[in-house]
Amino acid sequence: MLLQYMAAKLGIVTGMDLAQATRAHTGRRLGFVLWIATELAIMATDVAEVIGAAIALHLLFGMPLVVGVCLTVFDVLLLLLLMRIGFRKIEAIVTTLIITIVTVFVYEVTLAGPDMAQVATGFLPSPQILGHAQLIMALGIVGATVMPHNLYLHSAIVQSRAYDRVSDEGRARAVRFATWDSNIQLGAAFFVNCLLLLLGAALFFGKPGDLSTFGSLYDALQNPMLAGTVASPVLSTLFAVALLASGQNSTITGTLTGQVVMEGFIHLRIPLWLRRVVTRLIAVIPVIVCTIVFNGSETALEQVLVYSQVFLCIALPISMAPLVWFTSSKKLMGERFANKPWIAILGWASTALLTVLNLQLIWSLVQDLI
């Protein structure tokens, strides 16, 4: 929420998105490095989307994973349709997808009936999160929720709204509105992540068997021996539908972000459909290779999915640092809109903490390889 607030403020006050501001106020070489890092983050998101969609199609229709991966290339047709209906309607579609996902998981968690006292205890910080497996999962959730490239998109999207661009008061109102808007969306994303964890814990904690894959969860949701009285084919189907809807949501935001980043950093604009095809092909090729090498192993693909989200978290400080720097600059933002000292301190502290956790994870991964 802090980062989205800064991104919105940067876009509204300066009239530049984060990519444009970085290009204007840093050297060309540094800007190029940041552009490459952001493009890699977008591709990592696309890899996760491809895998998630392929697994969802496999669960729903029994489609081979390789075929499902190849079919995801054709979501460019969805994008071409969306390009014709306008940005506000795209926002409405994204909101509908999010509501669909939230509704599905609220329904499933309500049926599962978790112990709310234990749920509240689970929100308390624990040193166990620094363990290798727990840290991978925690950083993956951070990366999947925040997504470094979304900071670029948010700083651009807020400029498309109608607001008074001349007076400080008009811009201040726009910042407040954009902040509330993004907080609601991020709150929904946080809520969905919590629902997923709650669903898994309430239904399957302490149960026998390996439930570490989407396929095993899909089967378990219709198995009364594991999911209890709430088990049903409808429940498992809703789970797969939510997985597929999540991927289509990323299709829209990922493509728009890629265009913003490319235009802002290197002043290159290409048709959205072409951008989508290129990005998707780059994501599909390694996923197909992994699918073939590991003989269509769903477990292997899901490991790739998790590590793609961890990469997003590793790339996040690279986007956070310039954002905090620019929004703390009175020269760029003006006296009224520059970050207050406590906000700047909080921003830099968050960047430093995330960097340290990322380095710890990288070091533990290197040790495992050695």
Protein backbone atom coordinates (compact mmCIF):
# COMPACT_ATOMS: atom_id res chain seq x y z
CA MET A 1 0.00 0.00 0.00
CA LEU A 2 2.88 2.35 0.79
CA LEU A 3 4.49 1.68 -2.59
CA GLN A 4 1.26 2.10 -4.54
CA TYR A 5 0.66 5.38 -2.73
CA MET A 6 4.10 6.59 -3.80
CA ALA A 7 3.56 5.40 -7.38
CA ALA A 8 0.21 7.19 -7.62
CA LYS A 9 1.67 10.36 -6.16
CA LEU A 10 4.59 10.31 -8.60
CA GLY A 11 2.30 9.93 -11.60
CA ILE A 12 -0.25 12.55 -10.55
CA VAL A 13 2.18 15.21 -9.33
CA THR A 14 4.90 14.97 -12.00
CA GLY A 15 2.83 13.76 -14.96
CA MET A 16 5.44 11.02 -15.49
CA ASP A 17 5.22 7.33 -14.78
CA LEU A 18 8.06 5.61 -12.92
CA ALA A 19 9.76 4.49 -16.14
CA GLN A 20 9.70 8.00 -17.61
CA ALA A 21 10.97 9.54 -14.37
CA THR A 22 13.79 7.00 -14.18
CA ARG A 23 14.78 7.68 -17.78
CA ALA A 24 14.69 11.46 -17.21
CA HIS A 25 16.61 11.56 -13.93
CA THR A 26 19.18 8.75 -14.22
CA GLY A 27 21.87 7.83 -16.69
CA ARG A 28 21.02 5.92 -19.84
CA ARG A 29 22.99 2.85 -18.73
CA LEU A 30 21.24 2.64 -15.37
CA GLY A 31 17.91 3.15 -17.08
CA PHE A 32 18.70 0.30 -19.48
CA VAL A 33 19.58 -2.04 -16.58
CA LEU A 34 16.34 -1.15 -14.78
CA TRP A 35 14.38 -1.72 -17.99
CA ILE A 36 15.88 -5.20 -18.44
CA ALA A 37 15.14 -6.07 -14.79
CA THR A 38 11.55 -4.92 -15.18
CA GLU A 39 11.08 -6.84 -18.42
CA LEU A 40 12.38 -9.98 -16.71
CA ALA A 41 9.86 -9.45 -13.92
CA ILE A 42 7.06 -9.15 -16.49
CA MET A 43 8.25 -12.36 -18.15
CA ALA A 44 8.39 -14.13 -14.77
CA THR A 45 4.77 -13.14 -14.21
CA ASP A 46 3.90 -14.46 -17.65
CA VAL A 47 5.63 -17.77 -16.91
CA ALA A 48 3.48 -18.17 -13.80
CA GLU A 49 0.38 -17.26 -15.80
CA VAL A 50 1.17 -19.84 -18.49
CA ILE A 51 1.74 -22.58 -15.92
CA GLY A 52 -1.36 -21.68 -13.90
CA ALA A 53 -3.59 -21.60 -16.98
CA ALA A 54 -2.18 -24.88 -18.32
CA ILE A 55 -2.74 -26.64 -14.99
CA ALA A 56 -6.26 -25.19 -14.72
CA LEU A 57 -7.13 -26.45 -18.23
CA HIS A 58 -5.65 -29.84 -17.32
CA LEU A 59 -7.78 -30.05 -14.18
CA LEU A 60 -10.98 -28.85 -15.85
CA PHE A 61 -10.79 -30.70 -19.16
CA GLY A 62 -8.05 -33.31 -18.76
CA MET A 63 -5.98 -31.46 -21.34
CA PRO A 64 -2.28 -32.46 -21.54
CA LEU A 65 -0.06 -29.82 -19.97
CA VAL A 66 1.92 -29.23 -23.17
CA VAL A 67 -1.29 -28.58 -25.10
CA GLY A 68 -2.53 -26.24 -22.38
CA VAL A 69 0.73 -24.30 -22.45
CA CYS A 70 0.50 -23.90 -26.23
CA LEU A 71 -3.13 -22.75 -26.04
CA THR A 72 -2.19 -19.87 -23.76
CA VAL A 73 -0.52 -18.21 -26.76
CA PHE A 74 -3.97 -17.52 -28.18
CA ASP A 75 -5.00 -15.26 -25.32
CA VAL A 76 -3.77 -12.49 -27.64
CA LEU A 77 -7.25 -12.80 -29.18
CA LEU A 78 -8.71 -11.85 -25.81
CA LEU A 79 -6.41 -8.84 -25.71
CA LEU A 80 -7.45 -7.73 -29.21
CA LEU A 81 -11.07 -7.81 -28.07
CA LEU A 82 -10.28 -5.79 -24.96
CA MET A 83 -8.39 -3.17 -26.99
CA ARG A 84 -11.66 -2.33 -28.76
CA ILE A 85 -13.72 -1.65 -25.67
CA GLY A 86 -11.63 0.97 -23.84
CA PHE A 87 -9.53 1.17 -20.69
CA ARG A 88 -12.36 1.81 -18.22
CA LYS A 89 -14.15 -1.32 -19.37
CA ILE A 90 -10.89 -3.24 -19.04
CA GLU A 91 -10.75 -2.07 -15.42
CA ALA A 92 -14.30 -3.33 -14.95
CA ILE A 93 -13.36 -6.73 -16.40
CA VAL A 94 -10.31 -6.99 -14.13
CA THR A 95 -12.49 -6.05 -11.15
CA THR A 96 -15.02 -8.72 -12.15
CA LEU A 97 -12.27 -11.35 -12.34
CA ILE A 98 -11.02 -10.34 -8.89
CA ILE A 99 -14.55 -10.48 -7.46
CA THR A 100 -14.98 -13.93 -9.02
CA ILE A 101 -11.79 -15.19 -7.39
CA VAL A 102 -12.67 -13.68 -4.01
CA THR A 103 -16.22 -15.07 -4.11
CA VAL A 104 -15.01 -18.57 -4.91
CA PHE A 105 -12.52 -18.68 -2.07
CA VAL A 106 -14.85 -17.02 0.46
CA TYR A 107 -17.40 -19.72 -0.33
CA GLU A 108 -14.85 -22.51 0.02
CA VAL A 109 -13.36 -21.16 3.28
CA THR A 110 -16.84 -20.64 4.74
CA LEU A 111 -17.62 -24.28 4.06
CA ALA A 112 -14.30 -25.34 5.59
CA GLY A 113 -15.04 -23.47 8.84
CA PRO A 114 -11.53 -22.67 10.18
CA ASP A 115 -10.88 -21.96 13.87
CA MET A 116 -10.81 -18.14 13.88
CA ALA A 117 -8.82 -17.97 17.13
CA GLN A 118 -6.01 -19.97 15.54
CA VAL A 119 -6.33 -17.85 12.40
CA ALA A 120 -5.73 -14.69 14.45
CA THR A 121 -2.68 -16.29 16.07
CA GLY A 122 -1.32 -17.10 12.62
CA PHE A 123 -1.05 -13.40 11.76
CA LEU A 124 1.53 -12.85 14.52
CA PRO A 125 5.17 -12.72 13.28
CA SER A 126 7.18 -15.88 13.88
CA PRO A 127 10.92 -16.58 13.54
CA GLN A 128 9.98 -19.79 11.72
CA ILE A 129 9.42 -17.71 8.59
CA LEU A 130 13.21 -17.42 8.23
CA GLY A 131 13.45 -21.14 7.53
CA HIS A 132 14.37 -22.01 3.95
CA ALA A 133 11.03 -23.42 2.78
CA GLN A 134 8.99 -20.86 4.70
CA LEU A 135 11.08 -17.96 3.36
CA ILE A 136 10.62 -19.15 -0.23
CA MET A 137 6.86 -19.25 0.25
CA ALA A 138 6.72 -15.90 2.07
CA LEU A 139 8.81 -14.05 -0.52
CA GLY A 140 6.82 -15.72 -3.29
CA ILE A 141 3.61 -14.34 -1.79
CA VAL A 142 5.16 -10.86 -1.51
CA GLY A 143 6.31 -11.00 -5.13
CA ALA A 144 2.95 -12.27 -6.38
CA THR A 145 1.03 -9.61 -4.45
CA VAL A 146 3.12 -6.48 -5.04
CA MET A 147 4.78 -7.28 -8.41
CA PRO A 148 7.57 -4.76 -9.13
CA HIS A 149 6.34 -3.90 -12.62
CA ASN A 150 2.90 -2.96 -11.27
CA LEU A 151 4.50 0.10 -9.68
CA TYR A 152 5.23 1.32 -13.21
CA LEU A 153 1.71 0.53 -14.37
CA HIS A 154 0.05 2.23 -11.41
CA SER A 155 2.06 5.42 -11.86
CA ALA A 156 0.82 5.51 -15.48
CA ILE A 157 -2.80 4.48 -14.93
CA VAL A 158 -3.54 7.25 -12.43
CA GLN A 159 -2.79 9.82 -15.12
CA SER A 160 -5.68 8.54 -17.24
CA ARG A 161 -8.22 9.72 -14.66
CA ALA A 162 -9.96 13.09 -14.87
CA TYR A 163 -8.64 15.47 -12.21
CA ASP A 164 -7.50 19.06 -11.78
CA ARG A 165 -3.91 18.95 -13.03
CA VAL A 166 -3.15 22.61 -12.28
CA SER A 167 -3.93 23.29 -8.63
CA ASP A 168 -2.19 21.58 -5.73
CA GLU A 169 -5.55 20.92 -4.10
CA GLY A 170 -6.85 19.14 -7.19
CA ARG A 171 -3.78 16.94 -7.37
CA ALA A 172 -3.97 16.24 -3.64
CA ARG A 173 -7.57 15.03 -4.05
CA ALA A 174 -6.49 12.84 -6.95
CA VAL A 175 -3.71 11.31 -4.84
CA ARG A 176 -6.16 10.55 -2.02
CA PHE A 177 -8.67 8.96 -4.41
CA ALA A 178 -5.99 6.87 -6.16
CA THR A 179 -4.60 5.75 -2.79
CA TRP A 180 -7.98 4.55 -1.57
CA ASP A 181 -8.60 2.82 -4.88
CA SER A 182 -5.29 0.94 -4.82
CA ASN A 183 -5.63 0.11 -1.12
CA ILE A 184 -8.96 -1.59 -1.81
CA GLN A 185 -7.43 -3.62 -4.65
CA LEU A 186 -4.36 -4.60 -2.64
CA GLY A 187 -6.59 -5.44 0.30
CA ALA A 188 -8.50 -7.81 -1.99
CA ALA A 189 -5.24 -9.44 -3.13
CA PHE A 190 -4.13 -9.85 0.49
CA PHE A 191 -7.54 -11.26 1.33
CA VAL A 192 -7.29 -13.85 -1.46
CA ASN A 193 -3.83 -14.96 -0.29
CA CYS A 194 -5.17 -15.33 3.25
CA LEU A 195 -8.15 -17.31 1.99
CA LEU A 196 -5.88 -19.70 0.11
CA LEU A 197 -3.76 -20.32 3.20
CA LEU A 198 -6.86 -20.67 5.38
CA LEU A 199 -8.45 -23.13 2.98
CA GLY A 200 -5.37 -25.32 2.91
CA ALA A 201 -4.90 -25.22 6.67
CA ALA A 202 -8.55 -25.77 7.59
CA LEU A 203 -9.11 -28.69 5.25
CA PHE A 204 -5.82 -30.50 5.06
CA PHE A 205 -3.57 -29.73 8.05
CA GLY A 206 -2.57 -32.98 9.70
CA LYS A 207 -4.17 -35.09 6.97
CA PRO A 208 -2.20 -37.96 5.40
CA GLY A 209 -0.84 -37.79 1.87
CA ASP A 210 1.06 -35.27 -0.23
CA LEU A 211 -1.09 -32.23 -1.01
CA SER A 212 1.67 -30.01 -2.36
CA THR A 213 0.37 -29.72 -5.94
CA PHE A 214 -2.68 -28.16 -7.56
CA GLY A 215 -3.70 -31.56 -8.87
CA SER A 216 -3.61 -33.19 -5.45
CA LEU A 217 -5.58 -30.27 -3.98
CA TYR A 218 -8.12 -30.52 -6.80
CA ASP A 219 -8.62 -34.22 -6.08
CA ALA A 220 -8.65 -33.69 -2.32
CA LEU A 221 -11.43 -31.07 -2.55
CA GLN A 222 -13.79 -33.77 -3.82
CA ASN A 223 -12.55 -36.50 -1.46
CA PRO A 224 -14.66 -36.76 1.75
CA MET A 225 -11.80 -38.64 3.47
CA LEU A 226 -9.63 -35.51 3.19
CA ALA A 227 -11.94 -32.50 2.82
CA GLY A 228 -14.70 -33.83 5.06
CA THR A 229 -18.36 -32.96 4.55
CA VAL A 230 -17.55 -29.94 2.33
CA ALA A 231 -15.98 -32.14 -0.36
CA SER A 232 -17.69 -31.97 -3.75
CA PRO A 233 -16.86 -31.79 -7.48
CA VAL A 234 -18.31 -28.26 -7.49
CA LEU A 235 -15.74 -27.15 -4.91
CA SER A 236 -12.81 -28.52 -6.89
CA THR A 237 -14.15 -27.05 -10.14
CA LEU A 238 -14.47 -23.61 -8.55
CA PHE A 239 -10.88 -23.92 -7.39
CA ALA A 240 -9.69 -24.58 -10.96
CA VAL A 241 -11.86 -21.75 -12.35
CA ALA A 242 -10.30 -19.32 -9.87
CA LEU A 243 -6.84 -20.49 -10.96
CA LEU A 244 -7.72 -19.84 -14.61
CA ALA A 245 -9.28 -16.43 -13.85
CA SER A 246 -6.12 -15.35 -12.03
CA GLY A 247 -4.08 -15.98 -15.16
CA GLN A 248 -6.42 -13.99 -17.41
CA ASN A 249 -6.22 -11.06 -15.01
CA SER A 250 -2.43 -11.05 -15.42
CA THR A 251 -2.83 -11.19 -19.21
CA ILE A 252 -4.36 -7.72 -19.19
CA THR A 253 -2.17 -6.01 -16.60
CA GLY A 254 1.08 -7.61 -17.81
CA THR A 255 0.62 -6.42 -21.38
CA LEU A 256 -0.29 -2.86 -20.38
CA THR A 257 2.67 -2.73 -18.01
CA GLY A 258 5.06 -3.95 -20.69
CA GLN A 259 3.94 -1.16 -23.01
CA VAL A 260 4.37 1.47 -20.27
CA VAL A 261 7.83 0.21 -19.37
CA MET A 262 9.08 -0.07 -22.95
CA GLU A 263 7.80 3.36 -23.93
CA GLY A 264 9.03 5.02 -20.74
CA PHE A 265 12.53 3.54 -20.65
CA ILE A 266 13.51 3.30 -24.32
CA HIS A 267 10.84 5.40 -26.07
CA LEU A 268 9.68 2.45 -28.15
CA ARG A 269 5.99 1.85 -28.76
CA ILE A 270 4.68 -1.25 -30.51
CA PRO A 271 1.11 -2.56 -30.96
CA LEU A 272 -0.24 -4.20 -27.82
CA TRP A 273 -1.05 -7.43 -29.66
CA LEU A 274 2.56 -7.70 -30.89
CA ARG A 275 3.85 -6.96 -27.40
CA ARG A 276 1.60 -9.70 -26.06
CA VAL A 277 2.69 -12.28 -28.64
CA VAL A 278 6.41 -11.64 -28.10
CA THR A 279 6.17 -11.76 -24.29
CA ARG A 280 4.00 -14.86 -24.32
CA LEU A 281 6.27 -16.74 -26.74
CA ILE A 282 9.28 -15.95 -24.55
CA ALA A 283 7.38 -17.34 -21.54
CA VAL A 284 5.95 -20.37 -23.33
CA ILE A 285 9.23 -21.74 -24.72
CA PRO A 286 10.97 -22.45 -21.36
CA VAL A 287 7.73 -23.82 -19.90
CA ILE A 288 7.36 -26.25 -22.84
CA VAL A 289 10.99 -27.29 -22.42
CA CYS A 290 10.46 -27.95 -18.69
CA THR A 291 7.27 -29.87 -19.42
CA ILE A 292 9.04 -32.12 -21.92
CA VAL A 293 12.22 -32.57 -19.86
CA PHE A 294 10.25 -33.52 -16.73
CA ASN A 295 7.79 -35.72 -18.67
CA GLY A 296 4.81 -33.49 -18.02
CA SER A 297 5.39 -33.41 -14.27
CA GLU A 298 2.92 -31.06 -12.63
CA THR A 299 5.14 -30.89 -9.53
CA ALA A 300 8.12 -29.65 -11.56
CA LEU A 301 6.02 -26.98 -13.27
CA GLU A 302 4.63 -25.79 -9.96
CA GLN A 303 8.17 -25.42 -8.61
CA VAL A 304 8.94 -23.22 -11.61
CA LEU A 305 5.80 -21.21 -10.80
CA VAL A 306 6.86 -20.68 -7.18
CA TYR A 307 10.38 -19.60 -8.11
CA SER A 308 9.03 -17.21 -10.74
CA GLN A 309 7.15 -15.44 -7.95
CA VAL A 310 10.26 -15.45 -5.76
CA PHE A 311 12.11 -13.75 -8.63
CA LEU A 312 9.47 -11.01 -8.55
CA CYS A 313 10.27 -10.40 -4.91
CA ILE A 314 14.01 -10.34 -5.65
CA ALA A 315 13.39 -7.76 -8.40
CA LEU A 316 11.09 -5.65 -6.21
CA PRO A 317 13.79 -3.56 -4.44
CA ILE A 318 15.14 -2.57 -7.88
CA SER A 319 11.84 -0.79 -8.52
CA MET A 320 11.34 0.36 -4.95
CA ALA A 321 14.61 2.29 -4.64
CA PRO A 322 14.03 4.81 -7.47
CA LEU A 323 10.38 5.18 -6.45
CA VAL A 324 11.26 6.11 -2.87
CA TRP A 325 14.08 8.36 -4.12
CA PHE A 326 11.90 10.31 -6.57
CA THR A 327 8.93 10.75 -4.25
CA SER A 328 11.21 11.96 -1.45
CA SER A 329 12.75 14.65 -3.68
CA LYS A 330 11.36 18.13 -2.97
CA LYS A 331 12.93 19.32 -6.21
CA LEU A 332 10.88 16.86 -8.24
CA MET A 333 7.71 16.60 -6.15
CA GLY A 334 7.55 20.04 -4.57
CA GLU A 335 7.38 20.91 -0.89
CA ARG A 336 3.78 19.77 -0.44
CA PHE A 337 3.96 16.40 -2.16
CA ALA A 338 7.44 15.16 -1.25
CA ASN A 339 7.45 12.26 1.20
CA LYS A 340 7.38 13.26 4.83
CA PRO A 341 10.50 12.09 6.70
CA TRP A 342 8.72 9.19 8.41
CA ILE A 343 7.28 7.97 5.10
CA ALA A 344 10.70 8.15 3.45
CA ILE A 345 12.26 6.27 6.37
CA LEU A 346 9.55 3.62 6.16
CA GLY A 347 10.10 3.29 2.41
CA TRP A 348 13.88 2.91 2.69
CA ALA A 349 13.52 0.53 5.66
CA SER A 350 11.13 -1.66 3.65
CA THR A 351 13.55 -1.68 0.72
CA ALA A 352 16.47 -2.60 2.98
CA LEU A 353 14.54 -5.35 4.80
CA LEU A 354 13.36 -6.93 1.57
CA THR A 355 16.87 -6.77 0.14
CA VAL A 356 18.32 -8.51 3.20
CA LEU A 357 15.69 -11.28 3.07
CA ASN A 358 16.32 -11.73 -0.66
CA LEU A 359 20.06 -12.00 -0.10
CA GLN A 360 19.50 -14.54 2.67
CA LEU A 361 17.34 -16.62 0.35
CA ILE A 362 19.85 -16.41 -2.50
CA TRP A 363 22.65 -17.44 -0.15
CA SER A 364 20.68 -20.44 1.10
CA LEU A 365 19.93 -21.49 -2.49
CA VAL A 366 23.63 -21.22 -3.38
CA GLN A 367 24.53 -23.35 -0.36
CA ASP A 368 22.03 -25.99 -1.49
CA LEU A 369 23.68 -26.10 -4.91
CA ILE A 370 27.15 -26.42 -3.38
